[in-house]
Protein backbone atom coordinates (compact mmCIF):
# COMPACT_ATOMS: atom_id res chain seq x y z
CA UNK A 1 -148.01 -97.46 -24.60
CA UNK A 2 -149.54 -99.37 -21.69
CA UNK A 3 -147.98 -102.74 -20.89
CA UNK A 4 -151.29 -104.55 -21.56
CA UNK A 5 -151.49 -103.00 -25.03
CA UNK A 6 -148.14 -104.43 -26.06
CA UNK A 7 -148.37 -107.95 -27.43
CA UNK A 8 -145.96 -110.73 -26.56
CA UNK A 9 -144.79 -112.65 -29.65
CA UNK A 10 -143.35 -116.14 -29.11
CA UNK A 11 -141.21 -117.17 -32.12
CA UNK A 12 -140.82 -120.68 -33.49
CA UNK A 13 -137.46 -121.79 -34.94
CA UNK A 14 -138.69 -121.83 -38.53
CA UNK A 15 -139.52 -118.11 -38.33
CA UNK A 16 -135.87 -117.27 -37.60
CA UNK A 17 -134.72 -119.61 -40.37
CA UNK A 18 -137.12 -117.99 -42.82
CA UNK A 19 -136.17 -114.44 -41.77
CA UNK A 20 -133.07 -114.35 -39.51
CA UNK A 21 -133.80 -110.73 -38.46
CA UNK A 22 -137.44 -111.46 -37.62
CA UNK A 23 -136.96 -110.17 -34.06
CA UNK A 24 -137.03 -106.62 -35.52
CA UNK A 25 -140.37 -107.10 -37.33
CA UNK A 26 -142.80 -106.58 -34.45
CA UNK A 27 -142.57 -102.78 -33.96
CA UNK A 28 -143.35 -101.74 -30.37
CA UNK A 29 -144.31 -105.24 -29.23
CA UNK A 30 -142.12 -107.64 -27.23
CA UNK A 31 -140.48 -110.80 -28.57
CA UNK A 32 -139.81 -114.03 -26.67
CA UNK A 33 -137.47 -116.75 -27.94
CA UNK A 34 -137.83 -120.05 -26.00
CA UNK A 35 -134.63 -121.86 -25.01
CA UNK A 36 -135.79 -124.80 -27.16
CA UNK A 37 -135.50 -122.55 -30.23
CA UNK A 38 -131.87 -121.74 -29.34
CA UNK A 39 -131.14 -125.44 -29.03
CA UNK A 40 -132.63 -126.11 -32.47
CA UNK A 41 -130.62 -123.24 -34.00
CA UNK A 42 -127.48 -124.68 -32.40
CA UNK A 43 -128.14 -128.07 -34.02
CA UNK A 44 -128.78 -126.49 -37.43
CA UNK A 45 -125.92 -123.95 -37.56
CA UNK A 46 -123.21 -126.55 -38.23
CA UNK A 47 -124.96 -128.40 -41.03
CA UNK A 48 -123.48 -128.18 -44.51
CA UNK A 49 -126.53 -126.55 -46.08
CA UNK A 50 -127.79 -123.09 -46.95
CA UNK A 51 -130.20 -123.04 -44.00
CA UNK A 52 -127.19 -123.16 -41.64
CA UNK A 53 -126.20 -119.67 -42.73
CA UNK A 54 -129.64 -118.35 -41.78
CA UNK A 55 -129.33 -120.03 -38.38
CA UNK A 56 -125.96 -118.35 -37.78
CA UNK A 57 -127.31 -114.93 -38.84
CA UNK A 58 -130.24 -115.36 -36.44
CA UNK A 59 -127.89 -116.33 -33.59
CA UNK A 60 -125.69 -113.27 -34.24
CA UNK A 61 -128.78 -111.03 -34.23
CA UNK A 62 -129.74 -112.42 -30.81
CA UNK A 63 -126.15 -111.93 -29.61
CA UNK A 64 -126.18 -108.26 -30.73
CA UNK A 65 -129.11 -107.63 -28.40
CA UNK A 66 -128.41 -109.93 -25.47
CA UNK A 67 -124.63 -110.30 -25.53
CA UNK A 68 -123.73 -107.02 -23.84
CA UNK A 69 -123.47 -106.29 -20.11
CA UNK A 70 -126.82 -107.88 -19.32
CA UNK A 71 -127.68 -110.04 -16.32
CA UNK A 72 -129.52 -113.37 -16.55
CA UNK A 73 -132.52 -111.71 -14.90
CA UNK A 74 -132.60 -108.99 -17.59
CA UNK A 75 -132.39 -111.56 -20.39
CA UNK A 76 -135.42 -113.37 -18.98
CA UNK A 77 -137.42 -110.19 -18.31
CA UNK A 78 -136.54 -108.50 -21.63
CA UNK A 79 -133.75 -106.36 -23.12
CA UNK A 80 -134.65 -103.36 -25.36
CA UNK A 81 -133.89 -104.00 -29.02
CA UNK A 82 -130.98 -101.86 -30.28
CA UNK A 83 -131.40 -99.43 -33.16
CA UNK A 84 -130.78 -101.10 -36.50
CA UNK A 85 -130.74 -99.55 -39.96
CA UNK A 86 -133.97 -100.30 -41.77
CA UNK A 87 -135.74 -101.32 -38.56
CA UNK A 88 -136.16 -97.98 -36.80
CA UNK A 89 -139.73 -98.83 -35.74
CA UNK A 90 -138.61 -101.82 -33.61
CA UNK A 91 -138.89 -100.45 -30.07
CA UNK A 92 -139.92 -103.52 -28.07
CA UNK A 93 -137.84 -105.92 -25.99
CA UNK A 94 -136.26 -109.32 -26.61
CA UNK A 95 -136.12 -112.05 -24.00
CA UNK A 96 -135.09 -115.68 -23.73
CA UNK A 97 -137.58 -117.91 -21.91
CA UNK A 98 -135.96 -120.78 -19.95
CA UNK A 99 -138.62 -123.37 -20.78
CA UNK A 100 -136.36 -126.19 -19.62
CA UNK A 101 -136.76 -124.92 -16.04
CA UNK A 102 -140.56 -124.87 -16.05
CA UNK A 103 -142.69 -127.85 -15.05
CA UNK A 104 -145.62 -127.62 -17.47
CA UNK A 105 -148.78 -129.26 -16.17
CA UNK A 106 -152.23 -127.81 -16.77
CA UNK A 107 -153.28 -128.05 -20.44
CA UNK A 108 -149.74 -128.83 -21.53
CA UNK A 109 -148.84 -131.14 -24.41
CA UNK A 110 -146.47 -134.06 -23.79
CA UNK A 111 -142.93 -132.66 -23.58
CA UNK A 112 -141.37 -135.20 -25.92
CA UNK A 113 -140.92 -132.88 -28.89
CA UNK A 114 -139.52 -129.41 -29.45
CA UNK A 115 -142.75 -128.21 -31.03
CA UNK A 116 -144.68 -129.22 -27.93
CA UNK A 117 -142.17 -127.45 -25.68
CA UNK A 118 -142.62 -124.22 -27.65
CA UNK A 119 -146.43 -124.54 -27.53
CA UNK A 120 -146.25 -125.19 -23.78
CA UNK A 121 -144.11 -122.05 -23.40
CA UNK A 122 -146.76 -119.97 -25.17
CA UNK A 123 -149.48 -121.54 -22.97
CA UNK A 124 -147.49 -120.73 -19.82
CA UNK A 125 -146.89 -117.12 -20.90
CA UNK A 126 -150.55 -116.71 -21.89
CA UNK A 127 -151.58 -117.71 -18.37
CA UNK A 128 -148.83 -115.77 -16.59
CA UNK A 129 -149.38 -112.50 -18.49
CA UNK A 130 -153.18 -112.49 -18.69
CA UNK A 131 -154.91 -110.26 -19.89
CA UNK A 132 -151.96 -109.29 -22.06
CA UNK A 133 -152.17 -110.84 -25.55
CA UNK A 134 -149.65 -113.61 -26.26
CA UNK A 135 -149.16 -114.64 -29.91
CA UNK A 136 -147.35 -117.76 -31.10
CA UNK A 137 -145.71 -117.15 -34.51
CA UNK A 138 -144.80 -120.18 -36.63
CA UNK A 139 -144.66 -121.13 -40.29
CA UNK A 140 -145.51 -124.76 -39.50
CA UNK A 141 -149.18 -125.29 -40.41
CA UNK A 142 -149.55 -128.42 -38.27
CA UNK A 143 -148.00 -126.65 -35.30
CA UNK A 144 -150.51 -123.82 -35.68
CA UNK A 145 -153.34 -126.36 -35.56
CA UNK A 146 -151.87 -128.10 -32.50
CA UNK A 147 -151.39 -124.77 -30.73
CA UNK A 148 -155.00 -123.73 -31.31
CA UNK A 149 -156.18 -127.12 -30.12
CA UNK A 150 -154.03 -126.81 -26.98
CA UNK A 151 -155.72 -123.53 -26.05
CA UNK A 152 -153.50 -120.74 -27.38
CA UNK A 153 -155.81 -117.86 -28.28
CA UNK A 154 -153.65 -116.22 -30.99
CA UNK A 155 -151.54 -118.24 -33.43
CA UNK A 156 -150.20 -116.59 -36.60
CA UNK A 157 -148.05 -117.22 -39.63
CA UNK A 158 -145.05 -114.94 -40.12
CA UNK A 159 -146.14 -112.61 -42.91
CA UNK A 160 -144.02 -109.48 -42.62
CA UNK A 161 -142.30 -110.33 -45.93
CA UNK A 162 -145.56 -111.16 -47.69
CA UNK A 163 -146.22 -108.64 -50.46
CA UNK A 164 -149.63 -109.86 -51.63
CA UNK A 165 -152.54 -111.54 -49.84
CA UNK A 166 -153.70 -113.76 -52.69
CA UNK A 167 -151.71 -115.27 -55.55
CA UNK A 168 -154.53 -114.21 -57.91
CA UNK A 169 -153.31 -110.63 -57.48
CA UNK A 170 -149.74 -111.42 -58.57
CA UNK A 171 -148.58 -109.36 -61.55
CA UNK A 172 -148.77 -111.35 -64.78
CA UNK A 173 -146.51 -109.05 -66.76
CA UNK A 174 -149.19 -108.19 -69.31
CA UNK A 175 -152.59 -106.51 -69.40
CA UNK A 176 -155.46 -107.43 -71.73
CA UNK A 177 -157.78 -104.57 -72.72
CA UNK A 178 -161.41 -105.36 -73.45
CA UNK A 179 -162.48 -104.94 -77.07
CA UNK A 180 -160.28 -102.80 -79.34
CA UNK A 181 -157.49 -100.87 -77.59
CA UNK A 182 -157.58 -97.93 -80.02
CA UNK A 183 -161.28 -97.32 -79.38
CA UNK A 184 -160.47 -96.51 -75.73
CA UNK A 185 -158.35 -93.50 -76.71
CA UNK A 186 -159.30 -89.90 -77.46
CA UNK A 187 -155.82 -88.71 -78.43
CA UNK A 188 -152.64 -90.48 -79.58
CA UNK A 189 -149.28 -88.94 -80.43
CA UNK A 190 -146.99 -91.24 -82.45
CA UNK A 191 -143.25 -90.75 -83.00
CA UNK A 192 -140.44 -92.76 -84.59
CA UNK A 193 -137.38 -93.50 -82.43
CA UNK A 194 -134.88 -95.24 -84.69
CA UNK A 195 -136.45 -98.55 -85.72
CA UNK A 196 -139.17 -98.26 -83.10
CA UNK A 197 -142.63 -96.69 -83.12
CA UNK A 198 -143.73 -95.16 -79.81
CA UNK A 199 -147.27 -94.03 -78.99
CA UNK A 200 -147.89 -91.40 -76.33
CA UNK A 201 -151.39 -91.64 -74.85
CA UNK A 202 -153.04 -89.79 -71.93
CA UNK A 203 -153.06 -91.99 -68.85
CA UNK A 204 -156.65 -91.00 -68.05
CA UNK A 205 -157.80 -92.63 -71.31
CA UNK A 206 -156.34 -95.98 -70.29
CA UNK A 207 -158.98 -97.49 -68.04
CA UNK A 208 -157.08 -100.30 -66.33
CA UNK A 209 -155.26 -101.40 -63.23
CA UNK A 210 -152.01 -99.53 -62.41
CA UNK A 211 -149.45 -100.17 -65.17
CA UNK A 212 -145.68 -100.51 -64.76
CA UNK A 213 -142.54 -100.34 -66.86
CA UNK A 214 -141.95 -103.15 -69.43
CA UNK A 215 -145.49 -104.48 -68.97
CA UNK A 216 -146.93 -105.90 -72.19
CA UNK A 217 -150.29 -104.66 -73.47
CA UNK A 218 -152.68 -106.55 -75.75
CA UNK A 219 -156.39 -106.38 -76.55
CA UNK A 220 -159.15 -108.83 -77.44
CA UNK A 221 -160.14 -107.71 -80.93
CA UNK A 222 -157.25 -106.08 -82.85
CA UNK A 223 -153.64 -107.00 -83.64
CA UNK A 224 -152.41 -104.45 -81.12
CA UNK A 225 -149.52 -105.46 -78.92
CA UNK A 226 -147.19 -103.07 -77.12
CA UNK A 227 -144.94 -102.68 -74.14
CA UNK A 228 -144.84 -99.87 -71.60
CA UNK A 229 -141.69 -97.91 -72.43
CA UNK A 230 -142.19 -94.96 -70.09
CA UNK A 231 -144.71 -93.93 -67.49
CA UNK A 232 -145.40 -90.66 -65.69
CA UNK A 233 -148.32 -89.05 -63.86
CA UNK A 234 -150.10 -87.91 -67.02
CA UNK A 235 -148.93 -89.92 -70.03
CA UNK A 236 -148.09 -93.46 -71.05
CA UNK A 237 -145.45 -94.22 -73.71
CA UNK A 238 -146.10 -97.50 -75.51
CA UNK A 239 -143.55 -99.27 -77.70
CA UNK A 240 -145.56 -100.67 -80.64
CA UNK A 241 -144.73 -104.32 -81.28
CA UNK A 242 -147.69 -105.92 -83.08
CA UNK A 243 -148.90 -109.49 -82.66
CA UNK A 244 -147.55 -110.66 -85.99
CA UNK A 245 -144.05 -109.56 -85.12
CA UNK A 246 -144.11 -111.25 -81.70
CA UNK A 247 -145.58 -114.53 -82.92
CA UNK A 248 -142.93 -114.75 -85.66
CA UNK A 249 -139.87 -114.21 -83.47
CA UNK A 250 -137.50 -117.14 -83.79
CA UNK A 251 -134.75 -118.32 -81.45
CA UNK A 252 -132.71 -121.45 -82.14
CA UNK A 253 -135.47 -122.75 -84.42
CA UNK A 254 -138.22 -122.20 -81.85
CA UNK A 255 -141.24 -120.03 -82.70
CA UNK A 256 -143.94 -118.97 -80.20
CA UNK A 257 -147.12 -121.04 -80.17
CA UNK A 258 -149.21 -118.23 -78.70
CA UNK A 259 -148.96 -114.51 -77.94
CA UNK A 260 -147.80 -115.18 -74.36
CA UNK A 261 -144.80 -117.15 -75.59
CA UNK A 262 -144.21 -114.34 -78.10
CA UNK A 263 -144.04 -111.77 -75.31
CA UNK A 264 -141.70 -114.04 -73.32
CA UNK A 265 -139.37 -114.60 -76.28
CA UNK A 266 -139.32 -110.86 -77.05
CA UNK A 267 -138.21 -110.11 -73.48
CA UNK A 268 -135.64 -112.93 -73.55
CA UNK A 269 -134.05 -111.62 -76.74
CA UNK A 270 -134.06 -107.95 -75.66
CA UNK A 271 -130.47 -106.89 -74.76
CA UNK A 272 -131.83 -104.03 -72.61
CA UNK A 273 -133.52 -106.42 -70.18
CA UNK A 274 -131.22 -107.98 -67.57
CA UNK A 275 -133.82 -110.02 -65.65
CA UNK A 276 -136.62 -112.07 -67.22
CA UNK A 277 -139.06 -113.86 -64.90
CA UNK A 278 -141.14 -116.63 -66.49
CA UNK A 279 -144.02 -118.07 -64.49
CA UNK A 280 -146.88 -120.34 -65.49
CA UNK A 281 -148.29 -123.87 -65.29
CA UNK A 282 -146.39 -127.05 -66.11
CA UNK A 283 -145.98 -127.47 -69.85
CA UNK A 284 -146.33 -123.80 -70.83
CA UNK A 285 -142.82 -123.67 -72.34
CA UNK A 286 -140.79 -121.79 -69.72
CA UNK A 287 -137.62 -123.89 -69.87
CA UNK A 288 -137.81 -124.47 -73.63
CA UNK A 289 -138.05 -120.77 -74.43
CA UNK A 290 -135.34 -119.85 -71.91
CA UNK A 291 -132.92 -122.47 -73.27
CA UNK A 292 -133.62 -121.63 -76.92
CA UNK A 293 -133.06 -117.91 -76.24
CA UNK A 294 -129.86 -118.65 -74.30
CA UNK A 295 -128.39 -120.71 -77.15
CA UNK A 296 -129.40 -118.08 -79.72
CA UNK A 297 -127.79 -115.27 -77.71
CA UNK A 298 -124.57 -117.17 -76.98
CA UNK A 299 -123.92 -119.26 -80.11
CA UNK A 300 -125.59 -117.34 -82.96
CA UNK A 301 -125.48 -113.71 -81.83
CA UNK A 302 -122.38 -114.06 -79.62
CA UNK A 303 -123.72 -111.44 -77.18
CA UNK A 304 -122.70 -113.55 -74.17
CA UNK A 305 -119.84 -115.92 -73.44
CA UNK A 306 -121.55 -118.88 -71.76
CA UNK A 307 -124.73 -120.37 -70.33
CA UNK A 308 -124.90 -121.25 -66.62
CA UNK A 309 -127.82 -123.43 -65.54
CA UNK A 310 -128.64 -123.83 -61.85
CA UNK A 311 -131.49 -124.71 -59.53
CA UNK A 312 -131.98 -125.57 -55.90
CA UNK A 313 -131.53 -129.23 -55.06
CA UNK A 314 -134.23 -130.91 -52.96
CA UNK A 315 -133.49 -131.00 -49.23
CA UNK A 316 -132.91 -134.76 -49.34
CA UNK A 317 -129.91 -134.09 -51.58
CA UNK A 318 -128.84 -130.60 -50.53
CA UNK A 319 -125.17 -131.49 -50.31
CA UNK A 320 -125.20 -133.26 -53.77
CA UNK A 321 -122.22 -135.22 -52.42
CA UNK A 322 -123.77 -138.68 -52.63
CA UNK A 323 -123.68 -138.62 -56.44
CA UNK A 324 -120.44 -139.54 -58.23
CA UNK A 325 -118.48 -137.29 -60.54
CA UNK A 326 -117.80 -133.59 -60.98
CA UNK A 327 -120.15 -130.80 -59.93
CA UNK A 328 -121.70 -130.77 -63.43
CA UNK A 329 -122.22 -134.55 -63.34
CA UNK A 330 -123.70 -134.39 -59.84
CA UNK A 331 -126.16 -131.69 -60.94
CA UNK A 332 -127.28 -133.50 -64.12
CA UNK A 333 -130.11 -135.51 -62.46
CA UNK A 334 -131.59 -132.32 -60.97
CA UNK A 335 -131.36 -130.52 -64.31
CA UNK A 336 -132.94 -133.24 -66.44
CA UNK A 337 -135.57 -130.70 -67.55
CA UNK A 338 -132.81 -128.73 -69.26
CA UNK A 339 -131.17 -131.74 -70.90
CA UNK A 340 -134.64 -132.90 -72.06
CA UNK A 341 -135.09 -129.47 -73.62
CA UNK A 342 -131.74 -129.71 -75.41
CA UNK A 343 -132.83 -133.07 -76.83
CA UNK A 344 -136.08 -131.54 -78.12
CA UNK A 345 -134.20 -128.65 -79.75
CA UNK A 346 -131.94 -131.10 -81.66
CA UNK A 347 -134.20 -134.12 -82.19
CA UNK A 348 -134.31 -133.57 -85.97
CA UNK A 349 -130.52 -133.46 -86.40
CA UNK A 350 -128.78 -136.31 -88.19
CA UNK A 351 -126.84 -137.11 -85.02
CA UNK A 352 -128.77 -135.68 -82.00
CA UNK A 353 -126.27 -136.97 -79.42
CA UNK A 354 -123.34 -135.47 -81.29
CA UNK A 355 -125.23 -132.20 -81.78
CA UNK A 356 -125.95 -131.93 -78.05
CA UNK A 357 -122.32 -132.54 -77.14
CA UNK A 358 -121.17 -130.01 -79.73
CA UNK A 359 -123.65 -127.34 -78.60
CA UNK A 360 -122.91 -127.85 -74.89
CA UNK A 361 -119.24 -127.24 -75.68
CA UNK A 362 -119.90 -124.41 -78.16
CA UNK A 363 -122.27 -122.56 -75.81
CA UNK A 364 -120.08 -123.43 -72.81
CA UNK A 365 -123.13 -124.73 -70.91
CA UNK A 366 -122.27 -125.25 -67.24
CA UNK A 367 -124.46 -126.96 -64.63
CA UNK A 368 -123.89 -125.44 -61.20
CA UNK A 369 -125.33 -126.03 -57.73
CA UNK A 370 -126.98 -123.02 -56.12
CA UNK A 371 -125.18 -123.94 -52.88
CA UNK A 372 -121.85 -122.94 -54.45
CA UNK A 373 -123.00 -119.63 -55.94
CA UNK A 374 -122.36 -117.50 -52.85
CA UNK A 375 -119.40 -115.16 -53.29
CA UNK A 376 -119.19 -115.53 -57.07
CA UNK A 377 -119.34 -112.70 -59.61
CA UNK A 378 -120.72 -113.95 -62.93
CA UNK A 379 -119.79 -111.80 -65.92
CA UNK A 380 -121.16 -111.71 -69.49
CA UNK A 381 -123.25 -114.86 -69.17
CA UNK A 382 -126.82 -116.06 -69.56
CA UNK A 383 -127.86 -117.59 -66.22
CA UNK A 384 -130.93 -119.83 -66.13
CA UNK A 385 -132.33 -120.30 -62.61
CA UNK A 386 -134.90 -123.08 -62.86
CA UNK A 387 -137.53 -124.20 -60.32
CA UNK A 388 -137.08 -121.02 -58.29
CA UNK A 389 -140.54 -121.26 -56.71
CA UNK A 390 -138.81 -123.35 -54.02
CA UNK A 391 -136.34 -120.59 -53.10
CA UNK A 392 -136.82 -118.10 -50.29
CA UNK A 393 -136.51 -114.37 -50.85
CA UNK A 394 -133.03 -114.34 -49.29
CA UNK A 395 -131.83 -117.21 -51.51
CA UNK A 396 -133.04 -115.46 -54.65
CA UNK A 397 -131.43 -112.22 -53.47
CA UNK A 398 -128.16 -114.13 -53.11
CA UNK A 399 -128.47 -115.32 -56.72
CA UNK A 400 -129.41 -111.94 -58.19
CA UNK A 401 -126.55 -110.15 -56.41
CA UNK A 402 -124.09 -112.61 -58.05
CA UNK A 403 -124.90 -111.21 -61.48
CA UNK A 404 -122.10 -109.01 -62.83
CA UNK A 405 -121.81 -106.66 -65.79
CA UNK A 406 -123.30 -107.94 -69.05
CA UNK A 407 -125.13 -110.90 -67.50
CA UNK A 408 -128.75 -111.82 -68.19
CA UNK A 409 -130.67 -113.76 -65.51
CA UNK A 410 -133.70 -115.87 -66.45
CA UNK A 411 -135.84 -117.09 -63.53
CA UNK A 412 -138.39 -119.85 -64.22
CA UNK A 413 -140.92 -121.33 -61.84
CA UNK A 414 -144.40 -122.70 -61.29
CA UNK A 415 -146.02 -121.47 -58.07
CA UNK A 416 -148.38 -124.47 -57.98
CA UNK A 417 -145.42 -126.86 -57.58
CA UNK A 418 -143.80 -125.72 -54.33
CA UNK A 419 -141.97 -128.51 -52.47
CA UNK A 420 -140.57 -126.52 -49.54
CA UNK A 421 -142.09 -127.15 -46.12
CA UNK A 422 -142.29 -123.50 -45.13
CA UNK A 423 -143.07 -121.73 -48.40
CA UNK A 424 -146.45 -120.98 -49.94
CA UNK A 425 -147.32 -119.32 -53.23
CA UNK A 426 -147.56 -115.91 -51.56
CA UNK A 427 -144.30 -116.22 -49.58
CA UNK A 428 -142.14 -117.85 -52.30
CA UNK A 429 -139.05 -115.98 -53.42
CA UNK A 430 -140.44 -116.14 -56.97
CA UNK A 431 -143.50 -114.12 -55.91
CA UNK A 432 -141.19 -111.76 -54.04
CA UNK A 433 -139.08 -110.85 -57.08
CA UNK A 434 -142.12 -110.57 -59.38
CA UNK A 435 -143.53 -107.87 -57.11
CA UNK A 436 -140.25 -106.18 -56.19
CA UNK A 437 -138.89 -105.90 -59.74
CA UNK A 438 -142.02 -104.89 -61.62
CA UNK A 439 -141.00 -101.21 -61.52
CA UNK A 440 -137.38 -101.89 -62.52
CA UNK A 441 -136.65 -100.79 -66.08
CA UNK A 442 -134.17 -103.65 -66.60
CA UNK A 443 -136.62 -106.47 -65.89
CA UNK A 444 -139.68 -108.09 -67.47
CA UNK A 445 -142.11 -110.64 -66.06
CA UNK A 446 -144.39 -112.83 -68.18
CA UNK A 447 -146.99 -115.34 -67.05
CA UNK A 448 -147.17 -117.96 -69.80
CA UNK A 449 -150.90 -118.55 -70.05
CA UNK A 450 -151.79 -121.93 -71.50
CA UNK A 451 -150.25 -125.40 -71.64
CA UNK A 452 -148.59 -126.30 -74.95
CA UNK A 453 -146.77 -129.50 -73.93
CA UNK A 454 -149.59 -131.83 -74.98
CA UNK A 455 -153.34 -132.19 -74.76
CA UNK A 456 -152.80 -134.72 -71.96
CA UNK A 457 -150.76 -132.22 -69.93
CA UNK A 458 -153.29 -129.45 -70.62
CA UNK A 459 -156.19 -131.63 -69.43
CA UNK A 460 -154.27 -132.65 -66.31
CA UNK A 461 -153.44 -129.02 -65.48
CA UNK A 462 -157.09 -128.02 -65.75
CA UNK A 463 -158.82 -131.01 -64.11
CA UNK A 464 -156.46 -132.52 -61.53
């Protein structure tokens, strides 16, 4: 490839924090890391937070490439990226740009901030390497606007880990057929498998988007409701469930208020499903259903030993150390949604406070910080991961890989309530696992359509 055809990508610090191995994501093109980025990574790597680990991984990745017998001149001009498993198409070079040695003048932004220094670096390289294309890559929206205003021709978000282009295309976990489902079919073969009824239908008769394992199927006119049990190139095997059965499932005194909650509760109570992902708007019942199912499975059915509830803590309180008490007591303010749910589940008891204390002890409910989950192996438990729309893909991977034998993980989140600075609905870890796990036979994903909290909450969700 000609030198002019190879792009020059200038990386911002937040790209390396979002994806520590981002230097391998640009194929045959060259990557430049400004010295200012190294300084920011150095300041972050010693913090007592999860992002510090990502900073250290990024620094080690840079060291693997540049730490060998290379001269300062080679590091500035570019060192070929080494072969790395899973990144065989990365054939460009990596260089460190000494922006602290350059006197930026023409078109430069004031050098009183790190963002401005990185933008000035991209401007300098754009001028020095013309007509070669220089691209500034950053996840900071405001920085992208500043860079374009300063005169950088190409400014991009880091999207190599983005699986979908629009959140509207995210899998909902169910498919609604128009009209009557049975009228779509020319041939159906029905068999009994134990207590279950399974329909085998030709795939060509099912006129819909691509289906996947454990996806729920409903129609507009009949009482049909099923779940994809098996899928091949020619036929679709559907586990017959029926709307009446799903809407009458009960867990810890809770019954579904609509068919979407019925599908969610069916997946939550299914012992064959290890991962249940619940998405949907505020007030659709995600936490209530998850908590009711967890108590039913642990206390009544005794299929699991305990319930572990965790969520990410906001960045302002990442260390959770400023709150008094034990880890459980420190986490209580961040898990008020769960304690509110427990109160709702026992509000009609003669002594609600006593019931809650008894159930928390009986179900062995533990509140844990996500920061202390690394390295653990959780066995025979129901784990509820709440508010996981604010987690990155790597953080969610850390959580999922903690799950040991006989553990059920329930992930809840609302993609319209993302608080993280660098995450959007399409780059959230919640979106990532919905797409990655939709073909896994041990997982189910349900979008809870409709707000059931109150008419006030429903109106607010629709009109605000």
